[in-house]
Amino acid sequence: MSWLESDIVKGEADECSYLRKRSEELLVVAEETGSEEIIVEYYHTLFAFLEKQEVIYLRIALLAKEEGDESALRLQNKIIGEMILQGMTPGESVITFLERSKKDIRKDLVDLTGEDLDLPVDLS
């Protein structure tokens, strides 16, 4: 059994699918209601989805490069094609695109809530 067929990968793919679907649902509700709370939840869910995509992509890219796994290489190319459809410019790396997208989400959350999630929190 290849790494791509493992239960761990299937679980991460399921989580990624759930987060994608949930973010799409939240976007619809946010657009319908204009609720700031729903919009914030949408951004947080979308951010988590992008984080999960990044982790999965890095693992697939390493598998394709390090081990020459053909199925990983095909999947990597499929992901690149999907990212281009989502707005990644040709020639831009998937990681750069995902990091830029997460940065945009953080900025949108600061604009919306005034809270910068990257600032340290005083827990004392």
N, C-alpha and C. Protein backbone atom coordinates (compact mmCIF):
# COMPACT_ATOMS: atom_id res chain seq x y z
N MET A 1 0.86 -1.18 0.00
CA MET A 1 0.00 0.00 0.00
C MET A 1 0.90 1.23 0.00
N SER A 2 0.59 2.15 -0.90
CA SER A 2 1.37 3.39 -0.95
C SER A 2 0.88 4.35 0.13
N TRP A 3 1.71 5.33 0.39
CA TRP A 3 1.37 6.34 1.39
C TRP A 3 0.07 7.05 1.04
N LEU A 4 -0.16 7.27 -0.26
CA LEU A 4 -1.38 7.96 -0.69
C LEU A 4 -2.65 7.17 -0.38
N GLU A 5 -2.50 5.86 -0.20
CA GLU A 5 -3.66 5.01 0.09
C GLU A 5 -3.86 4.78 1.59
N SER A 6 -3.02 5.39 2.41
CA SER A 6 -3.08 5.15 3.85
C SER A 6 -4.31 5.79 4.48
N ASP A 7 -4.69 5.27 5.63
CA ASP A 7 -5.84 5.82 6.37
C ASP A 7 -5.59 7.27 6.80
N ILE A 8 -4.34 7.59 7.09
CA ILE A 8 -4.00 8.97 7.50
C ILE A 8 -4.30 9.94 6.37
N VAL A 9 -3.88 9.60 5.16
CA VAL A 9 -4.11 10.48 4.01
C VAL A 9 -5.60 10.58 3.71
N LYS A 10 -6.27 9.45 3.79
CA LYS A 10 -7.73 9.48 3.55
C LYS A 10 -8.42 10.35 4.58
N GLY A 11 -7.98 10.28 5.83
CA GLY A 11 -8.56 11.11 6.88
C GLY A 11 -8.31 12.59 6.63
N GLU A 12 -7.09 12.93 6.23
CA GLU A 12 -6.79 14.33 5.94
C GLU A 12 -7.56 14.83 4.72
N ALA A 13 -7.71 13.98 3.73
CA ALA A 13 -8.50 14.35 2.55
C ALA A 13 -9.96 14.57 2.93
N ASP A 14 -10.48 13.73 3.82
CA ASP A 14 -11.86 13.91 4.30
C ASP A 14 -12.01 15.23 5.06
N GLU A 15 -11.03 15.54 5.91
CA GLU A 15 -11.06 16.82 6.65
C GLU A 15 -11.03 17.99 5.69
N CYS A 16 -10.19 17.89 4.68
CA CYS A 16 -10.07 18.96 3.68
C CYS A 16 -11.40 19.14 2.94
N SER A 17 -12.00 18.04 2.56
CA SER A 17 -13.30 18.10 1.87
C SER A 17 -14.37 18.71 2.76
N TYR A 18 -14.37 18.33 4.03
CA TYR A 18 -15.34 18.90 4.98
C TYR A 18 -15.14 20.40 5.11
N LEU A 19 -13.90 20.84 5.27
CA LEU A 19 -13.63 22.27 5.44
C LEU A 19 -14.01 23.06 4.18
N ARG A 20 -13.74 22.50 3.01
CA ARG A 20 -14.12 23.16 1.76
C ARG A 20 -15.64 23.31 1.68
N LYS A 21 -16.34 22.21 1.94
CA LYS A 21 -17.80 22.23 1.88
C LYS A 21 -18.37 23.20 2.92
N ARG A 22 -17.83 23.16 4.12
CA ARG A 22 -18.31 24.03 5.20
C ARG A 22 -18.07 25.50 4.85
N SER A 23 -16.91 25.81 4.28
CA SER A 23 -16.63 27.20 3.92
C SER A 23 -17.58 27.67 2.82
N GLU A 24 -17.90 26.79 1.87
CA GLU A 24 -18.85 27.14 0.81
C GLU A 24 -20.23 27.41 1.40
N GLU A 25 -20.66 26.57 2.35
CA GLU A 25 -21.97 26.76 3.00
C GLU A 25 -22.00 28.07 3.77
N LEU A 26 -20.92 28.34 4.51
CA LEU A 26 -20.86 29.57 5.29
C LEU A 26 -20.88 30.81 4.40
N LEU A 27 -20.21 30.72 3.25
CA LEU A 27 -20.20 31.86 2.33
C LEU A 27 -21.61 32.17 1.85
N VAL A 28 -22.38 31.14 1.53
CA VAL A 28 -23.77 31.35 1.09
C VAL A 28 -24.58 32.01 2.20
N VAL A 29 -24.47 31.50 3.41
CA VAL A 29 -25.22 32.07 4.54
C VAL A 29 -24.76 33.50 4.81
N ALA A 30 -23.45 33.73 4.75
CA ALA A 30 -22.92 35.08 5.00
C ALA A 30 -23.44 36.07 3.97
N GLU A 31 -23.49 35.64 2.72
CA GLU A 31 -24.00 36.52 1.67
C GLU A 31 -25.48 36.79 1.82
N GLU A 32 -26.22 35.78 2.28
CA GLU A 32 -27.66 35.93 2.46
C GLU A 32 -28.01 36.80 3.66
N THR A 33 -27.27 36.64 4.75
CA THR A 33 -27.61 37.32 6.00
C THR A 33 -26.80 38.58 6.28
N GLY A 34 -25.58 38.63 5.75
CA GLY A 34 -24.69 39.74 6.06
C GLY A 34 -24.20 39.72 7.50
N SER A 35 -24.39 38.61 8.18
CA SER A 35 -24.01 38.47 9.59
C SER A 35 -22.49 38.51 9.73
N GLU A 36 -22.00 39.44 10.54
CA GLU A 36 -20.55 39.54 10.77
C GLU A 36 -20.03 38.27 11.42
N GLU A 37 -20.80 37.70 12.33
CA GLU A 37 -20.39 36.48 13.01
C GLU A 37 -20.19 35.33 12.01
N ILE A 38 -21.09 35.21 11.06
CA ILE A 38 -20.99 34.17 10.04
C ILE A 38 -19.82 34.45 9.11
N ILE A 39 -19.62 35.71 8.77
CA ILE A 39 -18.49 36.08 7.90
C ILE A 39 -17.17 35.73 8.58
N VAL A 40 -17.06 36.02 9.87
CA VAL A 40 -15.84 35.69 10.62
C VAL A 40 -15.65 34.17 10.64
N GLU A 41 -16.72 33.44 10.89
CA GLU A 41 -16.62 31.97 10.89
C GLU A 41 -16.21 31.46 9.52
N TYR A 42 -16.75 32.08 8.47
CA TYR A 42 -16.36 31.71 7.10
C TYR A 42 -14.86 31.88 6.90
N TYR A 43 -14.33 33.04 7.28
CA TYR A 43 -12.90 33.30 7.11
C TYR A 43 -12.05 32.30 7.90
N HIS A 44 -12.46 32.01 9.12
CA HIS A 44 -11.71 31.05 9.93
C HIS A 44 -11.73 29.66 9.31
N THR A 45 -12.88 29.26 8.80
CA THR A 45 -13.00 27.95 8.16
C THR A 45 -12.20 27.90 6.87
N LEU A 46 -12.27 28.97 6.09
CA LEU A 46 -11.50 29.03 4.85
C LEU A 46 -10.00 28.97 5.14
N PHE A 47 -9.58 29.67 6.19
CA PHE A 47 -8.17 29.65 6.58
C PHE A 47 -7.74 28.23 6.96
N ALA A 48 -8.56 27.55 7.74
CA ALA A 48 -8.25 26.17 8.13
C ALA A 48 -8.18 25.26 6.91
N PHE A 49 -9.07 25.48 5.95
CA PHE A 49 -9.07 24.71 4.71
C PHE A 49 -7.76 24.92 3.94
N LEU A 50 -7.33 26.17 3.83
CA LEU A 50 -6.08 26.47 3.12
C LEU A 50 -4.88 25.87 3.84
N GLU A 51 -4.90 25.91 5.17
CA GLU A 51 -3.82 25.29 5.95
C GLU A 51 -3.75 23.79 5.66
N LYS A 52 -4.90 23.15 5.65
CA LYS A 52 -4.95 21.70 5.40
C LYS A 52 -4.48 21.40 3.98
N GLN A 53 -4.90 22.21 3.02
CA GLN A 53 -4.46 22.02 1.64
C GLN A 53 -2.94 22.13 1.54
N GLU A 54 -2.38 23.09 2.25
CA GLU A 54 -0.94 23.30 2.21
C GLU A 54 -0.19 22.08 2.76
N VAL A 55 -0.65 21.55 3.87
CA VAL A 55 -0.01 20.37 4.47
C VAL A 55 -0.08 19.18 3.52
N ILE A 56 -1.25 18.94 2.97
CA ILE A 56 -1.42 17.82 2.05
C ILE A 56 -0.55 18.01 0.80
N TYR A 57 -0.57 19.22 0.26
CA TYR A 57 0.22 19.47 -0.95
C TYR A 57 1.71 19.25 -0.69
N LEU A 58 2.22 19.75 0.45
CA LEU A 58 3.64 19.57 0.76
C LEU A 58 4.01 18.09 0.85
N ARG A 59 3.16 17.31 1.47
CA ARG A 59 3.43 15.88 1.58
C ARG A 59 3.43 15.20 0.21
N ILE A 60 2.48 15.57 -0.62
CA ILE A 60 2.41 14.99 -1.97
C ILE A 60 3.62 15.41 -2.79
N ALA A 61 3.99 16.70 -2.70
CA ALA A 61 5.13 17.20 -3.46
C ALA A 61 6.42 16.50 -3.04
N LEU A 62 6.59 16.30 -1.74
CA LEU A 62 7.78 15.59 -1.26
C LEU A 62 7.80 14.15 -1.74
N LEU A 63 6.65 13.51 -1.69
CA LEU A 63 6.56 12.13 -2.15
C LEU A 63 6.88 12.04 -3.64
N ALA A 64 6.37 12.97 -4.42
CA ALA A 64 6.63 12.98 -5.86
C ALA A 64 8.10 13.22 -6.15
N LYS A 65 8.71 14.14 -5.41
CA LYS A 65 10.11 14.50 -5.66
C LYS A 65 11.08 13.48 -5.09
N GLU A 66 10.90 13.14 -3.82
CA GLU A 66 11.86 12.28 -3.13
C GLU A 66 11.80 10.83 -3.60
N GLU A 67 10.59 10.34 -3.82
CA GLU A 67 10.44 8.93 -4.14
C GLU A 67 10.04 8.68 -5.59
N GLY A 68 9.80 9.76 -6.33
CA GLY A 68 9.41 9.60 -7.72
C GLY A 68 8.09 8.87 -7.91
N ASP A 69 7.21 8.98 -6.93
CA ASP A 69 5.91 8.30 -6.97
C ASP A 69 5.05 8.92 -8.08
N GLU A 70 4.75 8.12 -9.09
CA GLU A 70 3.99 8.61 -10.25
C GLU A 70 2.58 9.07 -9.88
N SER A 71 1.92 8.34 -8.98
CA SER A 71 0.56 8.75 -8.59
C SER A 71 0.61 10.06 -7.82
N ALA A 72 1.66 10.27 -7.03
CA ALA A 72 1.82 11.54 -6.31
C ALA A 72 2.09 12.67 -7.29
N LEU A 73 2.88 12.40 -8.32
CA LEU A 73 3.17 13.42 -9.33
C LEU A 73 1.90 13.81 -10.09
N ARG A 74 1.09 12.83 -10.44
CA ARG A 74 -0.19 13.13 -11.12
C ARG A 74 -1.10 13.96 -10.23
N LEU A 75 -1.17 13.58 -8.95
CA LEU A 75 -2.00 14.32 -8.00
C LEU A 75 -1.47 15.73 -7.81
N GLN A 76 -0.16 15.88 -7.73
CA GLN A 76 0.45 17.19 -7.60
C GLN A 76 0.07 18.08 -8.79
N ASN A 77 0.15 17.55 -9.99
CA ASN A 77 -0.22 18.32 -11.19
C ASN A 77 -1.70 18.66 -11.20
N LYS A 78 -2.53 17.75 -10.72
CA LYS A 78 -3.97 18.02 -10.63
C LYS A 78 -4.24 19.17 -9.65
N ILE A 79 -3.54 19.16 -8.52
CA ILE A 79 -3.70 20.22 -7.53
C ILE A 79 -3.27 21.56 -8.11
N ILE A 80 -2.17 21.57 -8.84
CA ILE A 80 -1.70 22.81 -9.47
C ILE A 80 -2.77 23.34 -10.42
N GLY A 81 -3.37 22.46 -11.22
CA GLY A 81 -4.44 22.88 -12.13
C GLY A 81 -5.62 23.46 -11.39
N GLU A 82 -6.00 22.84 -10.27
CA GLU A 82 -7.12 23.34 -9.48
C GLU A 82 -6.80 24.70 -8.85
N MET A 83 -5.55 24.87 -8.42
CA MET A 83 -5.15 26.14 -7.82
C MET A 83 -5.18 27.26 -8.86
N ILE A 84 -4.80 26.95 -10.09
CA ILE A 84 -4.86 27.95 -11.16
C ILE A 84 -6.31 28.38 -11.37
N LEU A 85 -7.24 27.42 -11.30
CA LEU A 85 -8.66 27.76 -11.42
C LEU A 85 -9.13 28.63 -10.26
N GLN A 86 -8.48 28.51 -9.10
CA GLN A 86 -8.84 29.31 -7.93
C GLN A 86 -8.16 30.67 -7.92
N GLY A 87 -7.31 30.94 -8.93
CA GLY A 87 -6.70 32.27 -9.01
C GLY A 87 -5.20 32.30 -8.93
N MET A 88 -4.56 31.16 -8.80
CA MET A 88 -3.10 31.12 -8.77
C MET A 88 -2.59 31.45 -10.17
N THR A 89 -1.62 32.34 -10.24
CA THR A 89 -1.09 32.70 -11.55
C THR A 89 -0.14 31.61 -12.04
N PRO A 90 -0.15 31.34 -13.34
CA PRO A 90 0.78 30.35 -13.88
C PRO A 90 2.22 30.76 -13.52
N GLY A 91 2.99 29.80 -13.06
CA GLY A 91 4.36 30.08 -12.64
C GLY A 91 4.49 30.33 -11.15
N GLU A 92 3.39 30.68 -10.49
CA GLU A 92 3.41 30.89 -9.04
C GLU A 92 3.38 29.52 -8.37
N SER A 93 4.11 29.37 -7.28
CA SER A 93 4.08 28.08 -6.59
C SER A 93 2.78 27.95 -5.78
N VAL A 94 2.37 26.73 -5.58
CA VAL A 94 1.17 26.46 -4.79
C VAL A 94 1.33 27.03 -3.38
N ILE A 95 2.51 26.83 -2.79
CA ILE A 95 2.74 27.30 -1.43
C ILE A 95 2.65 28.82 -1.37
N THR A 96 3.26 29.51 -2.34
CA THR A 96 3.19 30.97 -2.37
C THR A 96 1.74 31.43 -2.50
N PHE A 97 0.97 30.76 -3.37
CA PHE A 97 -0.44 31.10 -3.55
C PHE A 97 -1.23 30.91 -2.26
N LEU A 98 -1.02 29.76 -1.61
CA LEU A 98 -1.76 29.49 -0.37
C LEU A 98 -1.36 30.47 0.74
N GLU A 99 -0.07 30.77 0.85
CA GLU A 99 0.38 31.72 1.87
C GLU A 99 -0.19 33.11 1.60
N ARG A 100 -0.21 33.52 0.33
CA ARG A 100 -0.80 34.82 -0.02
C ARG A 100 -2.29 34.84 0.29
N SER A 101 -2.97 33.76 0.00
CA SER A 101 -4.40 33.68 0.28
C SER A 101 -4.67 33.76 1.78
N LYS A 102 -3.85 33.08 2.58
CA LYS A 102 -4.02 33.14 4.05
C LYS A 102 -3.71 34.54 4.57
N LYS A 103 -2.73 35.20 3.99
CA LYS A 103 -2.41 36.58 4.39
C LYS A 103 -3.59 37.50 4.09
N ASP A 104 -4.21 37.30 2.93
CA ASP A 104 -5.39 38.10 2.57
C ASP A 104 -6.53 37.87 3.56
N ILE A 105 -6.72 36.64 3.98
CA ILE A 105 -7.77 36.32 4.95
C ILE A 105 -7.47 37.01 6.28
N ARG A 106 -6.20 36.95 6.73
CA ARG A 106 -5.85 37.61 7.98
C ARG A 106 -6.14 39.12 7.89
N LYS A 107 -5.80 39.72 6.76
CA LYS A 107 -6.07 41.15 6.57
C LYS A 107 -7.57 41.43 6.60
N ASP A 108 -8.35 40.59 5.93
CA ASP A 108 -9.81 40.76 5.93
C ASP A 108 -10.37 40.64 7.34
N LEU A 109 -9.83 39.71 8.13
CA LEU A 109 -10.30 39.56 9.52
C LEU A 109 -9.93 40.79 10.36
N VAL A 110 -8.73 41.35 10.14
CA VAL A 110 -8.35 42.57 10.86
C VAL A 110 -9.30 43.70 10.47
N ASP A 111 -9.57 43.84 9.18
CA ASP A 111 -10.48 44.90 8.72
C ASP A 111 -11.89 44.71 9.29
N LEU A 112 -12.31 43.48 9.41
CA LEU A 112 -13.67 43.18 9.87
C LEU A 112 -13.82 43.29 11.37
N THR A 113 -12.86 42.75 12.11
CA THR A 113 -13.01 42.66 13.56
C THR A 113 -12.08 43.60 14.33
N GLY A 114 -11.03 44.08 13.67
CA GLY A 114 -10.05 44.90 14.37
C GLY A 114 -9.03 44.08 15.13
N GLU A 115 -9.17 42.77 15.10
CA GLU A 115 -8.26 41.89 15.82
C GLU A 115 -7.24 41.30 14.85
N ASP A 116 -5.96 41.40 15.25
CA ASP A 116 -4.89 40.81 14.46
C ASP A 116 -4.52 39.49 15.11
N LEU A 117 -4.85 38.40 14.44
CA LEU A 117 -4.63 37.07 15.01
C LEU A 117 -3.15 36.69 15.06
N ASP A 118 -2.31 37.47 14.41
CA ASP A 118 -0.87 37.18 14.43
C ASP A 118 -0.15 37.85 15.59
N LEU A 119 -0.84 38.75 16.29
CA LEU A 119 -0.21 39.41 17.44
C LEU A 119 -0.17 38.46 18.63
N PRO A 120 0.90 38.56 19.42
CA PRO A 120 0.96 37.71 20.62
C PRO A 120 -0.13 38.08 21.62
N VAL A 121 -0.57 37.09 22.35
CA VAL A 121 -1.63 37.29 23.33
C VAL A 121 -1.03 37.18 24.73
N ASP A 122 -1.35 38.15 25.59
CA ASP A 122 -0.86 38.11 26.97
C ASP A 122 -1.78 37.20 27.76
N LEU A 123 -1.26 36.06 28.17
CA LEU A 123 -2.06 35.08 28.88
C LEU A 123 -1.87 35.16 30.40
N SER A 124 -1.14 36.18 30.86
CA SER A 124 -0.90 36.28 32.29
C SER A 124 -2.08 36.85 33.05
